[in-house]
Amino acid sequence: MKSDMLAKRKSHACELVEKKSAAIMERLFALPEFRKAKTILFYAAKKDEVQTLEMIQKALDMGKTVALPITVVEGKNLVLAEVRNLSRLSEGAFGVLEPMDYVPVKPEEVDLVIVPGVAFDVHGDRLGHGMGYYDKLLKQMPDALFIGLAFEFQMVEDIPEEEHDVSVHKVVTEERVIGCGQDKTFC
């Protein structure tokens, strides 16, 4: 499933990625949970993922604290760094943008996590890239709300859940917001 979904994502036309990402951003920013969040962990998207740079800039413009994971891994845990200016992002490992200035953000300070994924199901299960870094990170934030961003074609009927997996509470696509059946109060 993973290789098929990655191939499908890579074949998605660039203009469709931009158009659908804009629709996803509109739905995400309309959520009360997003508006209430003070500190948001985003991911820096690769070219075929739901694009997040405009979202990050808009969140910064709204006065939110924004963090990104950086490729420094402490004991198999991702480290978070604050984003203050998009011009101060540079390519890190795996070609992913990250802050050049290391201003640490503690996982427990994060209210809302925008979670990447290769595929999601309506139960909130997620297929990642298989290294488990995000699952470990999410376990450090039991009070945060987890929202996956996906193109509608990335929604599948069922993703087999493994013991270490952490589910998301919602998934936002260009067509809908999916509450994943997990009760989560926020702020």
Protein backbone atom coordinates (compact mmCIF):
# COMPACT_ATOMS: atom_id res chain seq x y z
CA MET A 1 0.00 0.00 0.00
CA LYS A 2 2.78 2.43 0.93
CA SER A 3 4.66 2.26 -2.38
CA ASP A 4 1.41 2.51 -4.38
CA MET A 5 0.29 5.57 -2.42
CA LEU A 6 3.68 7.27 -2.73
CA ALA A 7 3.63 6.67 -6.51
CA LYS A 8 0.11 8.09 -6.73
CA ARG A 9 1.19 11.16 -4.75
CA LYS A 10 4.26 11.70 -6.97
CA SER A 11 2.12 11.57 -10.12
CA HIS A 12 -0.23 14.25 -8.80
CA ALA A 13 0.06 17.39 -10.94
CA CYS A 14 1.79 20.32 -9.25
CA GLU A 15 -1.11 22.72 -9.88
CA LEU A 16 -3.53 20.23 -8.30
CA VAL A 17 -1.28 19.92 -5.24
CA GLU A 18 -1.36 23.71 -4.82
CA LYS A 19 -5.12 24.02 -5.41
CA LYS A 20 -6.00 21.16 -3.06
CA SER A 21 -3.53 22.38 -0.42
CA ALA A 22 -5.25 25.78 -0.45
CA ALA A 23 -8.65 24.11 0.12
CA ILE A 24 -7.16 22.03 2.96
CA MET A 25 -5.69 25.17 4.54
CA GLU A 26 -9.08 26.88 4.42
CA ARG A 27 -10.76 23.94 6.19
CA LEU A 28 -7.95 23.63 8.77
CA PHE A 29 -7.91 27.32 9.66
CA ALA A 30 -11.71 27.31 10.06
CA LEU A 31 -11.54 24.70 12.83
CA PRO A 32 -12.16 26.09 16.33
CA GLU A 33 -9.31 23.90 17.60
CA PHE A 34 -6.93 25.61 15.22
CA ARG A 35 -8.08 29.09 16.14
CA LYS A 36 -7.68 28.31 19.89
CA ALA A 37 -4.23 26.72 19.59
CA LYS A 38 -1.30 28.82 20.77
CA THR A 39 1.61 26.53 19.80
CA ILE A 40 1.34 24.45 16.63
CA LEU A 41 3.74 21.82 15.37
CA PHE A 42 3.68 21.69 11.58
CA TYR A 43 5.70 19.58 9.18
CA ALA A 44 7.63 21.05 6.25
CA ALA A 45 6.05 19.43 3.22
CA LYS A 46 7.88 17.76 0.37
CA LYS A 47 6.71 18.82 -3.08
CA ASP A 48 4.08 16.08 -3.47
CA GLU A 49 2.61 16.38 0.07
CA VAL A 50 -0.08 18.75 1.28
CA GLN A 51 1.81 22.04 1.15
CA THR A 52 2.36 23.70 4.54
CA LEU A 53 4.62 26.74 4.02
CA GLU A 54 1.71 29.11 3.36
CA MET A 55 -0.07 27.63 6.40
CA ILE A 56 3.01 28.22 8.55
CA GLN A 57 3.28 31.84 7.39
CA LYS A 58 -0.41 32.47 7.99
CA ALA A 59 -0.17 30.93 11.50
CA LEU A 60 2.84 33.16 12.25
CA ASP A 61 0.88 36.18 10.99
CA MET A 62 -1.90 35.22 13.43
CA GLY A 63 0.61 35.40 16.32
CA LYS A 64 0.85 31.66 16.91
CA THR A 65 4.05 29.97 17.98
CA VAL A 66 5.01 27.54 15.21
CA ALA A 67 7.47 24.68 15.50
CA LEU A 68 8.97 22.20 13.06
CA PRO A 69 10.79 18.96 13.78
CA ILE A 70 14.49 19.09 13.00
CA THR A 71 16.70 16.26 11.91
CA VAL A 72 18.69 16.22 15.11
CA VAL A 73 17.46 13.11 16.84
CA GLU A 74 18.05 12.78 20.56
CA GLY A 75 17.88 9.15 21.60
CA LYS A 76 15.51 8.29 18.74
CA ASN A 77 13.25 11.29 19.51
CA LEU A 78 12.68 14.19 17.14
CA VAL A 79 13.66 17.62 18.42
CA LEU A 80 11.37 20.62 17.86
CA ALA A 81 12.52 24.10 16.90
CA GLU A 82 10.54 27.32 16.67
CA VAL A 83 9.97 28.93 13.29
CA ARG A 84 10.13 32.70 13.44
CA ASN A 85 10.71 33.52 9.79
CA LEU A 86 10.32 31.38 6.68
CA SER A 87 13.44 32.96 5.19
CA ARG A 88 15.41 31.28 8.00
CA LEU A 89 14.52 27.75 6.86
CA SER A 90 17.09 25.61 5.11
CA GLU A 91 17.25 22.11 3.77
CA GLY A 92 18.10 19.52 6.39
CA ALA A 93 18.45 15.77 6.13
CA PHE A 94 16.13 14.04 3.65
CA GLY A 95 15.71 17.38 1.82
CA VAL A 96 13.18 18.69 4.36
CA LEU A 97 13.15 22.35 5.38
CA GLU A 98 13.94 23.14 9.00
CA PRO A 99 14.80 26.23 11.07
CA MET A 100 18.42 27.37 10.81
CA ASP A 101 18.21 29.00 14.23
CA TYR A 102 17.73 26.47 16.99
CA VAL A 103 15.15 27.84 19.41
CA PRO A 104 13.87 24.72 21.19
CA VAL A 105 10.20 24.00 21.76
CA LYS A 106 9.29 21.37 24.34
CA PRO A 107 6.74 18.77 23.19
CA GLU A 108 4.53 19.49 26.21
CA GLU A 109 4.19 23.13 25.04
CA VAL A 110 2.45 22.07 21.80
CA ASP A 111 -1.37 22.38 21.67
CA LEU A 112 -1.90 21.15 18.12
CA VAL A 113 0.12 18.84 15.89
CA ILE A 114 -0.30 18.87 12.12
CA VAL A 115 0.65 15.31 11.22
CA PRO A 116 1.96 14.14 7.84
CA GLY A 117 1.13 10.73 6.45
CA VAL A 118 1.31 8.56 3.38
CA ALA A 119 -2.31 7.47 3.97
CA PHE A 120 -5.03 7.74 6.64
CA ASP A 121 -8.28 5.96 7.43
CA VAL A 122 -11.46 7.32 9.02
CA HIS A 123 -10.48 5.81 12.39
CA GLY A 124 -7.42 8.08 12.54
CA ASP A 125 -4.92 5.36 11.79
CA ARG A 126 -2.00 6.58 9.73
CA LEU A 127 0.57 5.06 7.44
CA GLY A 128 3.85 6.92 7.85
CA HIS A 129 7.24 6.40 6.31
CA GLY A 130 8.02 3.52 8.65
CA MET A 131 10.66 4.95 10.98
CA GLY A 132 8.30 5.56 13.90
CA TYR A 133 9.67 9.02 14.77
CA TYR A 134 6.28 10.73 14.66
CA ASP A 135 4.62 8.04 16.79
CA LYS A 136 7.32 8.50 19.44
CA LEU A 137 6.91 12.26 19.25
CA LEU A 138 3.11 12.14 19.53
CA LYS A 139 3.39 9.98 22.65
CA GLN A 140 5.25 12.89 24.28
CA MET A 141 2.19 15.13 23.74
CA PRO A 142 -0.78 13.40 25.37
CA ASP A 143 -2.70 16.67 25.79
CA ALA A 144 -2.27 17.92 22.21
CA LEU A 145 -4.77 17.47 19.40
CA PHE A 146 -3.46 15.59 16.35
CA ILE A 147 -4.75 16.55 12.90
CA GLY A 148 -3.62 14.74 9.77
CA LEU A 149 -3.51 16.55 6.44
CA ALA A 150 -4.20 14.49 3.33
CA PHE A 151 -5.45 14.66 -0.18
CA GLU A 152 -8.75 12.84 -0.52
CA PHE A 153 -7.09 10.05 -2.54
CA GLN A 154 -4.88 9.32 0.50
CA MET A 155 -7.93 8.23 2.50
CA VAL A 156 -8.21 4.45 2.54
CA GLU A 157 -10.72 2.06 4.07
CA ASP A 158 -8.45 0.57 6.71
CA ILE A 159 -4.84 0.82 7.81
CA PRO A 160 -3.70 -2.08 9.98
CA GLU A 161 -2.76 -0.65 13.36
CA GLU A 162 0.45 -1.73 15.04
CA GLU A 163 1.11 -1.60 18.79
CA HIS A 164 3.38 1.47 18.62
CA ASP A 165 1.07 3.51 16.33
CA VAL A 166 -0.58 6.72 17.52
CA SER A 167 -3.82 7.73 15.80
CA VAL A 168 -4.85 11.24 14.81
CA HIS A 169 -8.04 12.84 16.15
CA LYS A 170 -9.06 14.41 12.84
CA VAL A 171 -8.06 14.35 9.19
CA VAL A 172 -8.53 17.35 6.92
CA THR A 173 -8.74 16.83 3.15
CA GLU A 174 -9.70 19.18 0.35
CA GLU A 175 -13.25 17.79 0.53
CA ARG A 176 -13.99 17.25 4.22
CA VAL A 177 -12.98 17.27 7.87
CA ILE A 178 -13.11 13.77 9.33
CA GLY A 179 -13.62 13.34 13.06
CA CYS A 180 -11.94 10.05 13.73
CA GLY A 181 -14.26 8.84 16.50
CA GLN A 182 -11.87 9.67 19.32
CA ASP A 183 -13.21 11.97 22.00
CA LYS A 184 -10.70 14.72 22.56
CA THR A 185 -11.48 17.91 24.37
CA PHE A 186 -9.30 20.84 23.55
CA CYS A 187 -8.80 24.16 25.36
